[in-house]
Amino acid sequence: MNEFRVGNAAGMAVVSPSMTPDQIHNEIERISEERQDLWHTLSGGLDPAVKEEIGELDARLQELWQALRMEKARLRFGEREDIVRRARAEERLERAA
């Protein structure tokens, strides 16, 4: 089972294959709103702690987007192992022909 660990010291979230695209997207929206609030706070003056937290949230968002892309691909094309198995079978048939 593949899991993506995302998070910072304040809280860890695990994006697992059992999460649906809707759940992942909801998490993306929640973190994006939190990030927007931090940018608003940062506009009042430079705060290294806020800047660091924004960076951590950016990393979490990147991992969540990657997880969402992977889950959508899995739903569309099937499990990776099945795709590889089919491709190898097709290669064997082509070589035999």
N, C-alpha and C. Protein backbone atom coordinates (compact mmCIF):
# COMPACT_ATOMS: atom_id res chain seq x y z
N MET A 1 0.84 -1.17 0.00
CA MET A 1 0.00 0.00 0.00
C MET A 1 0.89 1.24 0.00
N ASN A 2 0.67 2.14 -0.95
CA ASN A 2 1.43 3.37 -1.02
C ASN A 2 0.78 4.43 -0.16
N GLU A 3 1.60 5.11 0.60
CA GLU A 3 1.11 6.23 1.41
C GLU A 3 2.00 7.41 1.16
N PHE A 4 1.42 8.58 1.16
CA PHE A 4 2.16 9.81 1.06
C PHE A 4 2.10 10.48 2.42
N ARG A 5 3.25 10.79 2.98
CA ARG A 5 3.28 11.53 4.23
C ARG A 5 3.41 13.00 3.91
N VAL A 6 2.48 13.77 4.40
CA VAL A 6 2.54 15.21 4.23
C VAL A 6 2.31 15.84 5.58
N GLY A 7 2.95 16.95 5.82
CA GLY A 7 2.67 17.62 7.08
C GLY A 7 3.87 18.37 7.60
N ASN A 8 3.65 18.96 8.74
CA ASN A 8 4.72 19.69 9.43
C ASN A 8 4.69 19.27 10.88
N ALA A 9 5.48 19.93 11.68
CA ALA A 9 5.57 19.56 13.09
C ALA A 9 4.24 19.74 13.81
N ALA A 10 3.43 20.69 13.36
CA ALA A 10 2.16 20.96 14.03
C ALA A 10 1.16 19.83 13.82
N GLY A 11 1.25 19.14 12.70
CA GLY A 11 0.31 18.06 12.46
C GLY A 11 0.70 17.28 11.23
N MET A 12 0.58 15.98 11.30
CA MET A 12 0.91 15.13 10.17
C MET A 12 -0.38 14.61 9.57
N ALA A 13 -0.43 14.59 8.27
CA ALA A 13 -1.55 13.98 7.57
C ALA A 13 -0.98 12.92 6.65
N VAL A 14 -1.69 11.86 6.51
CA VAL A 14 -1.26 10.80 5.61
C VAL A 14 -2.28 10.74 4.49
N VAL A 15 -1.79 10.83 3.26
CA VAL A 15 -2.65 10.67 2.11
C VAL A 15 -2.49 9.23 1.67
N SER A 16 -3.51 8.45 1.86
CA SER A 16 -3.42 7.03 1.54
C SER A 16 -4.32 6.72 0.35
N PRO A 17 -4.09 5.57 -0.25
CA PRO A 17 -4.92 5.18 -1.39
C PRO A 17 -6.40 5.06 -1.05
N SER A 18 -6.72 4.96 0.22
CA SER A 18 -8.14 4.85 0.59
C SER A 18 -8.86 6.19 0.54
N MET A 19 -8.09 7.28 0.41
CA MET A 19 -8.74 8.59 0.28
C MET A 19 -9.28 8.74 -1.14
N THR A 20 -10.49 9.24 -1.23
CA THR A 20 -11.10 9.48 -2.53
C THR A 20 -10.58 10.79 -3.09
N PRO A 21 -10.72 10.99 -4.40
CA PRO A 21 -10.32 12.28 -4.97
C PRO A 21 -11.03 13.45 -4.31
N ASP A 22 -12.30 13.27 -3.94
CA ASP A 22 -13.03 14.35 -3.27
C ASP A 22 -12.42 14.67 -1.91
N GLN A 23 -12.02 13.65 -1.17
CA GLN A 23 -11.40 13.88 0.14
C GLN A 23 -10.06 14.59 -0.01
N ILE A 24 -9.28 14.17 -1.00
CA ILE A 24 -7.99 14.81 -1.23
C ILE A 24 -8.22 16.26 -1.63
N HIS A 25 -9.18 16.49 -2.51
CA HIS A 25 -9.47 17.86 -2.96
C HIS A 25 -9.95 18.73 -1.80
N ASN A 26 -10.76 18.18 -0.92
CA ASN A 26 -11.21 18.94 0.26
C ASN A 26 -10.03 19.33 1.14
N GLU A 27 -9.06 18.43 1.29
CA GLU A 27 -7.86 18.72 2.07
C GLU A 27 -7.04 19.82 1.39
N ILE A 28 -6.96 19.75 0.06
CA ILE A 28 -6.26 20.79 -0.69
C ILE A 28 -6.92 22.14 -0.46
N GLU A 29 -8.24 22.18 -0.51
CA GLU A 29 -8.96 23.44 -0.29
C GLU A 29 -8.72 23.97 1.13
N ARG A 30 -8.76 23.08 2.11
CA ARG A 30 -8.56 23.51 3.50
C ARG A 30 -7.16 24.11 3.69
N ILE A 31 -6.15 23.42 3.16
CA ILE A 31 -4.78 23.90 3.32
C ILE A 31 -4.57 25.19 2.53
N SER A 32 -5.20 25.29 1.36
CA SER A 32 -5.08 26.51 0.56
C SER A 32 -5.65 27.71 1.30
N GLU A 33 -6.78 27.51 1.97
CA GLU A 33 -7.37 28.60 2.76
C GLU A 33 -6.45 29.00 3.91
N GLU A 34 -5.87 28.00 4.58
CA GLU A 34 -4.93 28.27 5.67
C GLU A 34 -3.73 29.03 5.15
N ARG A 35 -3.23 28.63 3.98
CA ARG A 35 -2.08 29.28 3.35
C ARG A 35 -2.42 30.73 2.99
N GLN A 36 -3.63 30.95 2.48
CA GLN A 36 -4.07 32.30 2.13
C GLN A 36 -4.10 33.20 3.37
N ASP A 37 -4.59 32.66 4.47
CA ASP A 37 -4.61 33.43 5.72
C ASP A 37 -3.20 33.78 6.17
N LEU A 38 -2.28 32.84 6.01
CA LEU A 38 -0.89 33.11 6.40
C LEU A 38 -0.26 34.17 5.50
N TRP A 39 -0.57 34.14 4.20
CA TRP A 39 -0.05 35.18 3.31
C TRP A 39 -0.60 36.54 3.73
N HIS A 40 -1.86 36.58 4.14
CA HIS A 40 -2.45 37.84 4.62
C HIS A 40 -1.71 38.32 5.87
N THR A 41 -1.42 37.41 6.78
CA THR A 41 -0.65 37.74 7.99
C THR A 41 0.73 38.25 7.61
N LEU A 42 1.35 37.60 6.65
CA LEU A 42 2.69 37.98 6.22
C LEU A 42 2.71 39.35 5.56
N SER A 43 1.59 39.75 4.96
CA SER A 43 1.55 41.06 4.30
C SER A 43 1.67 42.20 5.31
N GLY A 44 1.40 41.91 6.58
CA GLY A 44 1.52 42.92 7.63
C GLY A 44 2.96 43.16 8.04
N GLY A 45 3.85 42.29 7.68
CA GLY A 45 5.26 42.43 8.02
C GLY A 45 5.94 41.08 7.97
N LEU A 46 7.23 41.10 7.70
CA LEU A 46 7.98 39.86 7.56
C LEU A 46 8.07 39.13 8.91
N ASP A 47 7.65 37.88 8.89
CA ASP A 47 7.73 37.01 10.07
C ASP A 47 8.31 35.69 9.60
N PRO A 48 9.54 35.39 10.00
CA PRO A 48 10.19 34.16 9.53
C PRO A 48 9.39 32.89 9.85
N ALA A 49 8.72 32.86 10.99
CA ALA A 49 7.94 31.68 11.35
C ALA A 49 6.77 31.48 10.39
N VAL A 50 6.09 32.57 10.05
CA VAL A 50 4.97 32.49 9.11
C VAL A 50 5.48 32.09 7.73
N LYS A 51 6.60 32.66 7.33
CA LYS A 51 7.19 32.34 6.04
C LYS A 51 7.54 30.84 5.97
N GLU A 52 8.09 30.31 7.04
CA GLU A 52 8.44 28.89 7.10
C GLU A 52 7.19 28.02 7.03
N GLU A 53 6.15 28.43 7.73
CA GLU A 53 4.91 27.65 7.71
C GLU A 53 4.28 27.65 6.32
N ILE A 54 4.37 28.78 5.61
CA ILE A 54 3.86 28.85 4.24
C ILE A 54 4.63 27.85 3.37
N GLY A 55 5.94 27.80 3.55
CA GLY A 55 6.75 26.85 2.80
C GLY A 55 6.35 25.42 3.07
N GLU A 56 6.06 25.10 4.33
CA GLU A 56 5.63 23.74 4.69
C GLU A 56 4.27 23.42 4.07
N LEU A 57 3.37 24.42 4.08
CA LEU A 57 2.06 24.21 3.47
C LEU A 57 2.19 24.02 1.96
N ASP A 58 3.10 24.78 1.34
CA ASP A 58 3.34 24.61 -0.10
C ASP A 58 3.78 23.18 -0.41
N ALA A 59 4.67 22.64 0.42
CA ALA A 59 5.14 21.26 0.22
C ALA A 59 3.99 20.28 0.40
N ARG A 60 3.15 20.51 1.39
CA ARG A 60 1.99 19.63 1.60
C ARG A 60 1.06 19.68 0.40
N LEU A 61 0.83 20.90 -0.11
CA LEU A 61 -0.05 21.04 -1.26
C LEU A 61 0.50 20.31 -2.49
N GLN A 62 1.79 20.41 -2.71
CA GLN A 62 2.40 19.71 -3.84
C GLN A 62 2.18 18.20 -3.72
N GLU A 63 2.37 17.67 -2.54
CA GLU A 63 2.19 16.23 -2.34
C GLU A 63 0.73 15.82 -2.49
N LEU A 64 -0.17 16.67 -2.01
CA LEU A 64 -1.60 16.37 -2.17
C LEU A 64 -2.01 16.40 -3.64
N TRP A 65 -1.52 17.39 -4.38
CA TRP A 65 -1.83 17.44 -5.81
C TRP A 65 -1.29 16.21 -6.52
N GLN A 66 -0.08 15.79 -6.15
CA GLN A 66 0.50 14.58 -6.75
C GLN A 66 -0.36 13.36 -6.41
N ALA A 67 -0.79 13.26 -5.18
CA ALA A 67 -1.65 12.15 -4.77
C ALA A 67 -2.97 12.16 -5.54
N LEU A 68 -3.52 13.36 -5.76
CA LEU A 68 -4.77 13.48 -6.50
C LEU A 68 -4.58 13.04 -7.95
N ARG A 69 -3.47 13.48 -8.57
CA ARG A 69 -3.20 13.06 -9.95
C ARG A 69 -3.04 11.54 -10.04
N MET A 70 -2.33 10.96 -9.09
CA MET A 70 -2.11 9.52 -9.10
C MET A 70 -3.43 8.76 -8.91
N GLU A 71 -4.27 9.24 -8.02
CA GLU A 71 -5.54 8.56 -7.75
C GLU A 71 -6.46 8.65 -8.97
N LYS A 72 -6.48 9.82 -9.62
CA LYS A 72 -7.30 9.95 -10.83
C LYS A 72 -6.80 9.03 -11.93
N ALA A 73 -5.49 8.92 -12.08
CA ALA A 73 -4.92 8.02 -13.09
C ALA A 73 -5.26 6.57 -12.76
N ARG A 74 -5.19 6.22 -11.48
CA ARG A 74 -5.52 4.86 -11.07
C ARG A 74 -6.98 4.54 -11.38
N LEU A 75 -7.87 5.50 -11.09
CA LEU A 75 -9.29 5.28 -11.37
C LEU A 75 -9.56 5.17 -12.87
N ARG A 76 -8.82 5.93 -13.66
CA ARG A 76 -9.04 5.92 -15.10
C ARG A 76 -8.43 4.70 -15.78
N PHE A 77 -7.20 4.36 -15.40
CA PHE A 77 -6.47 3.32 -16.12
C PHE A 77 -6.32 2.02 -15.36
N GLY A 78 -6.60 2.01 -14.07
CA GLY A 78 -6.47 0.80 -13.27
C GLY A 78 -5.19 0.80 -12.46
N GLU A 79 -5.00 -0.27 -11.72
CA GLU A 79 -3.82 -0.41 -10.88
C GLU A 79 -2.57 -0.51 -11.74
N ARG A 80 -1.48 0.04 -11.25
CA ARG A 80 -0.22 0.04 -11.99
C ARG A 80 0.22 -1.37 -12.36
N GLU A 81 0.10 -2.30 -11.43
CA GLU A 81 0.52 -3.68 -11.68
C GLU A 81 -0.27 -4.30 -12.84
N ASP A 82 -1.56 -4.00 -12.91
CA ASP A 82 -2.39 -4.52 -13.99
C ASP A 82 -1.97 -3.93 -15.34
N ILE A 83 -1.66 -2.65 -15.34
CA ILE A 83 -1.22 -1.99 -16.58
C ILE A 83 0.08 -2.61 -17.07
N VAL A 84 1.04 -2.81 -16.17
CA VAL A 84 2.32 -3.41 -16.54
C VAL A 84 2.10 -4.84 -17.04
N ARG A 85 1.26 -5.59 -16.38
CA ARG A 85 0.98 -6.97 -16.77
C ARG A 85 0.38 -7.02 -18.18
N ARG A 86 -0.57 -6.12 -18.48
CA ARG A 86 -1.18 -6.09 -19.81
C ARG A 86 -0.15 -5.70 -20.87
N ALA A 87 0.68 -4.70 -20.54
CA ALA A 87 1.70 -4.26 -21.51
C ALA A 87 2.68 -5.38 -21.82
N ARG A 88 3.09 -6.12 -20.82
CA ARG A 88 4.02 -7.24 -21.04
C ARG A 88 3.37 -8.34 -21.87
N ALA A 89 2.11 -8.60 -21.62
CA ALA A 89 1.39 -9.61 -22.39
C ALA A 89 1.30 -9.18 -23.85
N GLU A 90 1.01 -7.90 -24.09
CA GLU A 90 0.95 -7.39 -25.46
C GLU A 90 2.31 -7.50 -26.15
N GLU A 91 3.39 -7.20 -25.42
CA GLU A 91 4.73 -7.32 -25.99
C GLU A 91 5.03 -8.77 -26.38
N ARG A 92 4.64 -9.71 -25.53
CA ARG A 92 4.87 -11.12 -25.85
C ARG A 92 4.10 -11.53 -27.10
N LEU A 93 2.87 -11.06 -27.21
CA LEU A 93 2.06 -11.39 -28.39
C LEU A 93 2.67 -10.79 -29.65
N GLU A 94 3.17 -9.57 -29.56
CA GLU A 94 3.79 -8.91 -30.72
C GLU A 94 5.05 -9.66 -31.16
N ARG A 95 5.84 -10.10 -30.19
CA ARG A 95 7.07 -10.83 -30.52
C ARG A 95 6.75 -12.20 -31.13
N ALA A 96 5.67 -12.82 -30.67
CA ALA A 96 5.30 -14.14 -31.15
C ALA A 96 4.72 -14.07 -32.56
N ALA A 97 4.19 -12.93 -32.93
CA ALA A 97 3.53 -12.80 -34.25
C ALA A 97 4.50 -12.62 -35.37
